[in-house]
Amino acid sequence: MYNVVLIPMGGGTSVSGALMCPKEETRTIVSLDMTEMNRIHWIDPENHMAHIEAGIIGQDLERRLEKEGYTTGHQPDSLEFSSLGGWVATRASGMKKNLYGNIEDMVVRIKMVTAKGTIEKSCQVPRISAGPDVHEFILGSEGTLGVITEVTLKIKPLPECTKYGSLIFPDFEKGIKFMQEVAKQKIYPASIRLMDNAQLRFGLALKPEKGLIERFTDHIKQMYITRLRGFNPEKVALCTAVFEGPTDRVNKEEADINRIAAEFGAIPAGEANGKNGYLLTFSIAYLRDLGMNYGFLAESFETSVPWDRVSDLIKNVKQRIIQVCKEQGVREENPPYSSARVTQCYDTGACCYFYFGFYAGDLPNPLEAYSILEKSAREEVLANGGSVSHHHGIGKVRAQFLEDTISKAGKQALLAVKQGLDPQNIFGCGNLTGVVGPTGTLKSKL
């Protein structure tokens, strides 16, 4: 009736171009700010659930639940700014997924308003066999089908004990083998992550200046690691862990992790390093924006990959980044930054997370160079058996890879759902399938 396009917006933390207005769209575009829909309607202690409006920001949700003695356990890097609706719309994953699950594991019920009416299940049960699960096409829909307005989530009591730990490995390869063994034995702390040497040195560079006693102590520790243990400072890797739950279980998990780590030549590096390494993640986005003020372009991307491809994928993607930067004119005296970490672990593989950046102050077209680099890195990921994304989603940046990822028939299925729920393409953000414009454009793609 009004011939407008609606683009729901939560915290605005997308790195996939999902919130960009389609350039080809000729209709009026309305950005639908969801952040005023931030109430917790109820908390059900007996059934371990909470019913929440989808515009609530992650850290606000956790603070309110904490006052009642609960947590969702969902802790993405973007917790400060991302919204519950955004988590659902992108199939998000948090750093503590080992204990609490990914967002799809936490969801009990979703309410989504579409152009054809409201979609929601009639009951809030742990499982239902009633044909294909409607939640599955809402999760990851990225604003293309409707507005996610309310979500019922599983909640858990605040953990009795939270403990951090860290381990130093002689090199990244031994760390990867350790992570795979942890997955094999199913000894999962709430979070366990392995950062390569480049990321470790970057983190150390951010540590505040210490006093004389602290510097002397660090020198003694460094001598022990490098001289007595024979570790090469330019090869070592750091693993950080977070243990949560009953105290006896936390202590057992920590002992088991240390036991396995010792088999791969690792030594404990202390609770403080574990906590600092974990919290470093939240500062990365601030550093990226700061770098842009000085002509340094940087971003992150992620993938999931089977265990037997983790090492080669990381090595090849980092090399591709360096190669493409050179081709784009990045000077050798200002080499690009490229680092990786292994984050969420699964029985069959892991999530690999990359940071890259380069000085673009003297390039004729920095944004074009960045786009070429991002696309090349993604192509290398796919060539090495990785997924198009683990938790950032498709948006517009990765839409070109969707059909190869889910097959032509799979893409046709997504378009058919879109046609059934939104024939006028009111939710015409253009994500996933690239459908832009009114109904004729949609029909032409079916």
Protein backbone atom coordinates (compact mmCIF):
# COMPACT_ATOMS: atom_id res chain seq x y z
CA MET A 1 0.00 0.00 0.00
CA TYR A 2 2.73 2.46 0.99
CA ASN A 3 5.37 1.13 -1.45
CA VAL A 4 8.19 1.22 1.09
CA VAL A 5 11.03 -1.10 2.07
CA LEU A 6 11.59 -2.02 5.73
CA ILE A 7 15.07 -2.86 7.02
CA PRO A 8 15.04 -3.95 10.69
CA MET A 9 18.03 -2.70 12.69
CA GLY A 10 19.21 -3.84 16.10
CA GLY A 11 22.68 -2.98 17.33
CA GLY A 12 24.17 -2.31 13.91
CA THR A 13 27.23 -4.54 14.42
CA SER A 14 26.97 -6.45 11.12
CA VAL A 15 30.23 -6.86 9.20
CA SER A 16 28.58 -8.41 6.13
CA GLY A 17 26.99 -5.29 4.64
CA ALA A 18 23.56 -6.54 5.75
CA LEU A 19 22.34 -3.09 6.84
CA MET A 20 23.46 -1.23 3.73
CA CYS A 21 20.59 0.15 1.63
CA PRO A 22 20.45 -1.53 -1.80
CA LYS A 23 21.70 0.90 -4.43
CA GLU A 24 19.22 -0.36 -7.04
CA GLU A 25 16.17 0.19 -4.80
CA THR A 26 13.89 3.01 -6.03
CA ARG A 27 11.27 2.80 -3.28
CA THR A 28 11.43 4.68 0.01
CA ILE A 29 13.55 2.80 2.56
CA VAL A 30 12.62 2.85 6.25
CA SER A 31 15.19 1.75 8.82
CA LEU A 32 13.19 0.10 11.60
CA ASP A 33 14.98 0.76 14.91
CA MET A 34 14.25 -2.17 17.19
CA THR A 35 16.14 -1.04 20.29
CA GLU A 36 13.07 0.34 22.11
CA MET A 37 11.64 -3.19 22.15
CA ASN A 38 13.88 -4.18 25.05
CA ARG A 39 11.65 -5.62 27.76
CA ILE A 40 11.94 -8.98 29.48
CA HIS A 41 8.30 -10.09 29.63
CA TRP A 42 8.80 -12.93 32.06
CA ILE A 43 11.32 -15.29 33.59
CA ASP A 44 10.27 -18.89 34.26
CA PRO A 45 12.65 -20.36 36.88
CA GLU A 46 10.97 -23.76 36.92
CA ASN A 47 11.32 -24.35 33.17
CA HIS A 48 14.56 -22.35 32.76
CA MET A 49 13.21 -19.92 30.17
CA ALA A 50 12.82 -16.18 29.65
CA HIS A 51 10.60 -14.38 27.14
CA ILE A 52 12.33 -11.28 25.77
CA GLU A 53 11.72 -8.58 23.19
CA ALA A 54 14.14 -8.85 20.28
CA GLY A 55 15.54 -5.31 20.36
CA ILE A 56 17.33 -5.73 23.68
CA ILE A 57 21.11 -5.29 23.54
CA GLY A 58 23.20 -8.22 24.71
CA GLN A 59 24.97 -6.69 27.69
CA ASP A 60 21.71 -5.14 28.93
CA LEU A 61 20.01 -8.52 28.73
CA GLU A 62 22.81 -10.17 30.72
CA ARG A 63 22.82 -7.44 33.38
CA ARG A 64 19.08 -7.75 33.95
CA LEU A 65 19.16 -11.53 34.06
CA GLU A 66 22.13 -11.44 36.40
CA LYS A 67 20.08 -9.45 38.93
CA GLU A 68 17.66 -12.39 38.98
CA GLY A 69 20.47 -14.93 39.25
CA TYR A 70 20.50 -16.12 35.62
CA THR A 71 22.43 -15.92 32.35
CA THR A 72 21.86 -16.91 28.74
CA GLY A 73 25.57 -17.71 28.43
CA HIS A 74 25.58 -16.17 24.95
CA GLN A 75 28.67 -13.99 24.77
CA PRO A 76 29.63 -12.90 21.23
CA ASP A 77 32.49 -10.45 20.64
CA SER A 78 29.81 -7.82 19.95
CA LEU A 79 27.97 -8.32 23.26
CA GLU A 80 28.16 -4.60 24.10
CA PHE A 81 26.17 -3.54 21.05
CA SER A 82 24.48 -6.46 19.26
CA SER A 83 20.82 -7.30 19.84
CA LEU A 84 18.91 -10.49 20.53
CA GLY A 85 17.03 -10.17 17.23
CA GLY A 86 20.33 -9.75 15.40
CA TRP A 87 21.67 -12.92 17.01
CA VAL A 88 18.69 -14.88 15.72
CA ALA A 89 18.71 -13.23 12.29
CA THR A 90 22.37 -14.15 11.70
CA ARG A 91 22.60 -17.53 13.47
CA ALA A 92 25.09 -16.07 15.93
CA SER A 93 27.62 -17.90 18.05
CA GLY A 94 29.18 -16.87 21.35
CA MET A 95 32.57 -17.49 22.94
CA LYS A 96 31.04 -19.81 25.56
CA LYS A 97 29.14 -21.97 23.12
CA ASN A 98 30.77 -25.16 24.47
CA LEU A 99 28.71 -24.86 27.64
CA TYR A 100 25.66 -22.87 26.52
CA GLY A 101 25.37 -23.66 22.80
CA ASN A 102 25.00 -21.46 19.74
CA ILE A 103 21.94 -19.26 19.42
CA GLU A 104 19.99 -22.01 17.62
CA ASP A 105 20.57 -24.25 20.65
CA MET A 106 19.22 -21.62 23.05
CA VAL A 107 16.04 -20.68 21.20
CA VAL A 108 12.77 -22.16 22.44
CA ARG A 109 10.33 -19.99 20.51
CA ILE A 110 10.53 -17.10 18.02
CA LYS A 111 7.86 -14.59 17.02
CA MET A 112 8.32 -12.97 13.62
CA VAL A 113 5.95 -10.51 11.94
CA THR A 114 5.84 -10.93 8.16
CA ALA A 115 3.90 -9.33 5.31
CA LYS A 116 1.57 -12.37 5.40
CA GLY A 117 1.04 -12.50 9.16
CA THR A 118 2.80 -13.57 12.33
CA ILE A 119 4.84 -16.76 12.51
CA GLU A 120 5.19 -18.42 15.93
CA LYS A 121 4.74 -21.87 17.39
CA SER A 122 1.68 -22.53 19.53
CA CYS A 123 3.65 -24.06 22.40
CA GLN A 124 6.95 -23.63 24.22
CA VAL A 125 8.27 -27.16 24.38
CA PRO A 126 11.82 -28.60 24.26
CA ARG A 127 11.18 -30.36 20.94
CA ILE A 128 8.38 -30.82 18.44
CA SER A 129 7.92 -33.09 15.43
CA ALA A 130 5.58 -31.13 13.16
CA GLY A 131 7.24 -31.11 9.76
CA PRO A 132 10.22 -28.88 8.91
CA ASP A 133 11.00 -26.53 11.80
CA VAL A 134 9.83 -22.99 11.01
CA HIS A 135 12.57 -21.67 13.28
CA GLU A 136 15.11 -22.95 10.77
CA PHE A 137 14.14 -20.48 8.06
CA ILE A 138 13.86 -17.62 10.56
CA LEU A 139 17.32 -18.28 11.99
CA GLY A 140 19.78 -16.72 9.56
CA SER A 141 17.09 -14.94 7.51
CA GLU A 142 18.94 -11.60 7.91
CA GLY A 143 15.88 -9.36 7.73
CA THR A 144 14.62 -10.73 4.40
CA LEU A 145 11.39 -12.36 5.61
CA GLY A 146 10.05 -10.14 8.39
CA VAL A 147 10.74 -8.56 11.77
CA ILE A 148 11.78 -10.77 14.68
CA THR A 149 9.92 -9.20 17.62
CA GLU A 150 10.09 -11.65 20.55
CA VAL A 151 12.22 -14.64 21.52
CA THR A 152 11.94 -17.22 24.28
CA LEU A 153 15.43 -18.32 25.34
CA LYS A 154 16.81 -20.99 27.61
CA ILE A 155 18.47 -19.52 30.70
CA LYS A 156 20.77 -21.02 33.31
CA PRO A 157 21.59 -20.11 36.91
CA LEU A 158 24.74 -18.05 37.31
CA PRO A 159 27.71 -20.40 37.63
CA GLU A 160 28.94 -21.23 41.11
CA CYS A 161 32.52 -20.82 39.95
CA THR A 162 34.24 -19.03 37.03
CA LYS A 163 37.93 -19.61 36.46
CA TYR A 164 40.36 -18.54 33.73
CA GLY A 165 43.41 -20.38 32.50
CA SER A 166 46.09 -20.16 29.83
CA LEU A 167 48.67 -22.38 28.19
CA ILE A 168 51.78 -21.68 26.14
CA PHE A 169 52.50 -24.09 23.27
CA PRO A 170 55.85 -24.41 21.47
CA ASP A 171 54.08 -23.62 18.18
CA PHE A 172 50.65 -23.18 16.63
CA GLU A 173 50.61 -26.68 15.07
CA LYS A 174 50.94 -28.40 18.45
CA GLY A 175 48.20 -26.12 19.76
CA ILE A 176 45.86 -27.19 16.95
CA LYS A 177 46.51 -30.87 17.69
CA PHE A 178 45.77 -30.18 21.35
CA MET A 179 42.44 -28.52 20.47
CA GLN A 180 41.49 -31.49 18.32
CA GLU A 181 42.31 -33.89 21.14
CA VAL A 182 40.20 -31.84 23.56
CA ALA A 183 37.29 -32.15 21.12
CA LYS A 184 37.92 -35.87 20.72
CA GLN A 185 37.83 -36.44 24.47
CA LYS A 186 34.83 -34.10 24.82
CA ILE A 187 36.39 -32.16 27.69
CA TYR A 188 34.93 -28.79 26.87
CA PRO A 189 35.46 -25.75 29.10
CA ALA A 190 32.91 -22.97 28.57
CA SER A 191 35.43 -21.37 26.21
CA ILE A 192 38.75 -22.53 24.83
CA ARG A 193 40.62 -20.62 22.13
CA LEU A 194 44.03 -20.81 20.53
CA MET A 195 45.75 -17.71 19.10
CA ASP A 196 48.71 -17.79 16.75
CA ASN A 197 52.02 -16.04 17.38
CA ALA A 198 51.08 -12.87 15.48
CA GLN A 199 47.94 -12.41 17.56
CA LEU A 200 49.78 -13.24 20.78
CA ARG A 201 52.43 -10.59 20.11
CA PHE A 202 49.72 -8.10 19.20
CA GLY A 203 48.02 -8.74 22.53
CA LEU A 204 51.29 -8.38 24.44
CA ALA A 205 51.92 -5.03 22.74
CA LEU A 206 48.65 -3.74 24.20
CA LYS A 207 49.57 -4.55 27.81
CA PRO A 208 50.17 -1.48 29.99
CA GLU A 209 53.68 -0.52 31.10
CA LYS A 210 54.78 -2.41 34.21
CA GLY A 211 56.87 -1.43 37.17
CA LEU A 212 60.40 -2.64 37.90
CA ILE A 213 59.36 -5.69 39.95
CA GLU A 214 56.82 -6.84 37.36
CA ARG A 215 59.34 -6.41 34.52
CA PHE A 216 61.94 -8.42 36.45
CA THR A 217 59.40 -11.19 37.11
CA ASP A 218 58.42 -11.28 33.43
CA HIS A 219 62.11 -11.53 32.49
CA ILE A 220 62.51 -14.58 34.73
CA LYS A 221 59.43 -16.19 33.19
CA GLN A 222 60.70 -15.47 29.68
CA MET A 223 64.07 -17.04 30.50
CA TYR A 224 62.32 -20.17 31.76
CA ILE A 225 60.19 -20.47 28.60
CA THR A 226 62.88 -19.68 26.05
CA ARG A 227 66.11 -21.02 27.58
CA LEU A 228 65.05 -23.86 29.84
CA ARG A 229 62.09 -25.08 27.80
CA GLY A 230 63.56 -24.10 24.42
CA PHE A 231 60.47 -22.26 23.14
CA ASN A 232 61.01 -19.83 20.26
CA PRO A 233 59.29 -16.50 21.10
CA GLU A 234 58.47 -16.03 17.40
CA LYS A 235 56.66 -19.38 17.18
CA VAL A 236 54.86 -19.88 20.50
CA ALA A 237 51.06 -19.89 20.61
CA LEU A 238 48.71 -19.08 23.49
CA CYS A 239 45.56 -20.94 24.47
CA THR A 240 43.05 -19.27 26.80
CA ALA A 241 40.24 -21.05 28.61
CA VAL A 242 37.21 -20.16 30.71
CA PHE A 243 35.80 -22.77 33.10
CA GLU A 244 32.30 -22.31 34.53
CA GLY A 245 30.02 -24.40 36.68
CA PRO A 246 30.15 -26.22 40.02
CA THR A 247 33.57 -25.83 41.67
CA ASP A 248 34.40 -29.54 41.63
CA ARG A 249 33.59 -29.80 37.91
CA VAL A 250 35.61 -26.67 37.11
CA ASN A 251 38.64 -28.05 38.96
CA LYS A 252 38.37 -31.40 37.17
CA GLU A 253 38.04 -29.77 33.74
CA GLU A 254 41.07 -27.58 34.41
CA ALA A 255 43.13 -30.60 35.50
CA ASP A 256 42.05 -32.56 32.42
CA ILE A 257 42.92 -29.68 30.09
CA ASN A 258 46.36 -29.27 31.68
CA ARG A 259 46.95 -33.02 31.41
CA ILE A 260 46.15 -33.08 27.69
CA ALA A 261 48.15 -29.90 27.06
CA ALA A 262 51.25 -31.42 28.66
CA GLU A 263 51.11 -34.23 26.11
CA PHE A 264 51.64 -31.60 23.40
CA GLY A 265 54.48 -29.82 25.16
CA ALA A 266 52.51 -26.94 26.68
CA ILE A 267 53.09 -25.26 30.03
CA PRO A 268 50.51 -23.36 32.13
CA ALA A 269 50.72 -19.58 31.72
CA GLY A 270 48.47 -18.47 34.55
CA GLU A 271 44.96 -17.24 35.22
CA ALA A 272 45.76 -13.56 34.58
CA ASN A 273 46.92 -14.25 31.02
CA GLY A 274 43.82 -16.33 30.44
CA LYS A 275 41.52 -13.55 31.55
CA ASN A 276 43.41 -10.83 29.64
CA GLY A 277 43.43 -12.96 26.50
CA TYR A 278 39.70 -13.58 26.76
CA LEU A 279 38.81 -9.94 27.38
CA LEU A 280 41.11 -8.71 24.59
CA THR A 281 38.48 -9.85 22.10
CA PHE A 282 36.08 -7.11 23.17
CA SER A 283 38.61 -4.35 22.39
CA ILE A 284 39.40 -5.39 18.81
CA ALA A 285 36.56 -3.39 17.21
CA TYR A 286 37.70 -0.24 19.01
CA LEU A 287 41.25 -0.75 17.75
CA ARG A 288 40.00 -1.24 14.19
CA ASP A 289 38.18 2.09 14.25
CA LEU A 290 41.17 3.81 15.84
CA GLY A 291 43.43 2.45 13.11
CA MET A 292 41.25 3.94 10.40
CA ASN A 293 42.08 7.41 11.71
CA TYR A 294 45.69 6.69 10.74
CA GLY A 295 45.05 5.15 7.34
CA PHE A 296 45.10 1.53 8.58
CA LEU A 297 42.22 -0.57 7.22
CA ALA A 298 41.42 -3.71 9.18
CA GLU A 299 38.63 -6.24 9.58
CA SER A 300 37.85 -9.74 10.76
CA PHE A 301 36.24 -12.75 9.12
CA GLU A 302 35.60 -16.32 10.14
CA THR A 303 34.86 -19.77 8.83
CA SER A 304 34.29 -23.32 10.04
CA VAL A 305 36.33 -26.22 8.72
CA PRO A 306 36.93 -29.94 9.41
CA TRP A 307 39.80 -30.73 11.77
CA ASP A 308 42.04 -32.18 9.07
CA ARG A 309 41.92 -28.88 7.14
CA VAL A 310 42.38 -26.40 10.00
CA SER A 311 46.14 -26.02 9.75
CA ASP A 312 46.37 -25.80 5.94
CA LEU A 313 43.43 -23.41 5.70
CA ILE A 314 44.91 -20.98 8.20
CA LYS A 315 48.36 -21.13 6.61
CA ASN A 316 47.07 -20.67 3.04
CA VAL A 317 44.63 -17.86 3.88
CA LYS A 318 47.32 -15.87 5.70
CA GLN A 319 49.69 -16.31 2.77
CA ARG A 320 46.96 -15.23 0.33
CA ILE A 321 46.36 -12.05 2.33
CA ILE A 322 50.05 -11.15 2.18
CA GLN A 323 50.22 -11.96 -1.55
CA VAL A 324 47.16 -9.88 -2.49
CA CYS A 325 48.33 -6.94 -0.37
CA LYS A 326 51.57 -6.96 -2.33
CA GLU A 327 49.66 -7.10 -5.63
CA GLN A 328 47.56 -4.11 -4.53
CA GLY A 329 50.63 -1.99 -3.85
CA VAL A 330 51.00 -2.29 -0.08
CA ARG A 331 54.64 -1.43 0.58
CA GLU A 332 57.02 -4.00 2.02
CA GLU A 333 58.25 -1.54 4.64
CA ASN A 334 54.65 -1.47 5.96
CA PRO A 335 53.79 -5.18 5.78
CA PRO A 336 50.16 -6.25 6.24
CA TYR A 337 48.96 -7.72 9.52
CA SER A 338 47.48 -11.20 9.32
CA SER A 339 46.64 -13.42 12.29
CA ALA A 340 44.31 -16.25 13.20
CA ARG A 341 42.86 -18.10 16.13
CA VAL A 342 40.91 -21.32 16.57
CA THR A 343 37.82 -20.51 18.59
CA GLN A 344 34.68 -22.62 18.88
CA CYS A 345 35.40 -26.37 18.79
CA TYR A 346 33.11 -29.13 17.55
CA ASP A 347 33.43 -32.91 17.31
CA THR A 348 34.05 -32.67 13.56
CA GLY A 349 35.91 -29.37 13.21
CA ALA A 350 36.40 -25.84 14.45
CA CYS A 351 35.74 -22.18 13.83
CA CYS A 352 38.79 -20.26 12.58
CA TYR A 353 38.78 -16.51 13.07
CA PHE A 354 41.06 -14.15 11.15
CA TYR A 355 42.17 -10.56 11.68
CA PHE A 356 43.85 -8.71 8.84
CA GLY A 357 44.87 -5.14 8.16
CA PHE A 358 47.15 -2.98 6.04
CA TYR A 359 48.32 0.60 5.75
CA ALA A 360 46.34 2.20 2.95
CA GLY A 361 47.34 5.84 3.37
CA ASP A 362 49.42 5.84 0.19
CA LEU A 363 47.18 3.66 -1.99
CA PRO A 364 45.25 5.37 -4.84
CA ASN A 365 42.02 3.47 -4.11
CA PRO A 366 42.09 1.95 -0.59
CA LEU A 367 38.48 0.73 -0.57
CA GLU A 368 38.90 -1.09 -3.85
CA ALA A 369 42.07 -2.74 -2.54
CA TYR A 370 40.21 -3.75 0.62
CA SER A 371 37.31 -5.26 -1.36
CA ILE A 372 39.69 -7.27 -3.55
CA LEU A 373 41.53 -8.51 -0.48
CA GLU A 374 38.38 -9.54 1.38
CA LYS A 375 37.02 -11.39 -1.67
CA SER A 376 40.36 -13.13 -2.30
CA ALA A 377 40.59 -14.27 1.31
CA ARG A 378 37.06 -15.67 1.17
CA GLU A 379 37.84 -17.52 -2.06
CA GLU A 380 40.90 -19.04 -0.43
CA VAL A 381 38.80 -20.15 2.55
CA LEU A 382 36.35 -21.95 0.25
CA ALA A 383 39.16 -23.48 -1.83
CA ASN A 384 40.56 -24.99 1.37
CA GLY A 385 37.31 -26.62 2.41
CA GLY A 386 36.01 -23.91 4.76
CA SER A 387 32.46 -22.56 5.03
CA VAL A 388 31.39 -19.18 3.70
CA SER A 389 30.75 -18.12 7.31
CA HIS A 390 30.52 -19.62 10.79
CA HIS A 391 28.48 -16.89 12.49
CA HIS A 392 28.79 -13.50 10.71
CA GLY A 393 26.25 -14.45 8.05
CA ILE A 394 25.97 -13.66 4.33
CA GLY A 395 24.58 -10.11 4.01
CA LYS A 396 25.58 -8.54 0.72
CA VAL A 397 29.35 -8.98 0.97
CA ARG A 398 29.19 -12.79 0.68
CA ALA A 399 25.98 -13.17 -1.35
CA GLN A 400 27.99 -14.13 -4.45
CA PHE A 401 29.08 -17.33 -2.67
CA LEU A 402 25.66 -18.44 -1.45
CA GLU A 403 24.58 -20.61 -4.40
CA ASP A 404 27.85 -22.54 -4.44
CA THR A 405 27.45 -23.07 -0.69
CA ILE A 406 23.87 -24.35 -0.54
CA SER A 407 23.34 -25.43 -4.20
CA LYS A 408 21.14 -23.90 -6.88
CA ALA A 409 18.13 -25.85 -5.65
CA GLY A 410 18.81 -24.67 -2.11
CA LYS A 411 18.81 -21.06 -3.23
CA GLN A 412 15.57 -21.65 -5.13
CA ALA A 413 14.04 -22.97 -1.90
CA LEU A 414 15.01 -19.74 -0.10
CA LEU A 415 13.47 -17.70 -2.91
CA ALA A 416 10.28 -19.75 -2.72
CA VAL A 417 9.94 -19.06 1.01
CA LYS A 418 10.58 -15.37 0.29
CA GLN A 419 7.87 -15.36 -2.40
CA GLY A 420 5.39 -17.05 -0.06
CA LEU A 421 5.94 -14.70 2.89
CA ASP A 422 6.84 -11.43 1.21
CA PRO A 423 5.61 -11.36 -2.41
CA GLN A 424 5.92 -7.55 -2.63
CA ASN A 425 9.46 -7.67 -1.22
CA ILE A 426 8.63 -5.22 1.57
CA PHE A 427 11.62 -6.61 3.49
CA GLY A 428 13.81 -5.83 0.51
CA CYS A 429 17.19 -5.39 2.15
CA GLY A 430 18.75 -7.50 -0.59
CA ASN A 431 20.60 -9.85 1.73
CA LEU A 432 21.26 -13.53 0.95
CA THR A 433 19.61 -13.87 -2.47
CA GLY A 434 20.19 -10.33 -3.76
CA VAL A 435 16.49 -9.72 -4.48
CA VAL A 436 15.95 -5.95 -4.83
CA GLY A 437 12.88 -4.04 -5.98
CA PRO A 438 9.17 -4.89 -5.99
CA THR A 439 7.52 -8.22 -6.77
CA GLY A 440 8.52 -8.48 -10.44
CA THR A 441 12.19 -8.80 -9.55
CA LEU A 442 11.46 -11.64 -7.14
CA LYS A 443 9.32 -13.57 -9.61
CA SER A 444 11.97 -13.26 -12.29
CA LYS A 445 14.47 -15.10 -10.08
CA LEU A 446 12.18 -18.05 -9.35
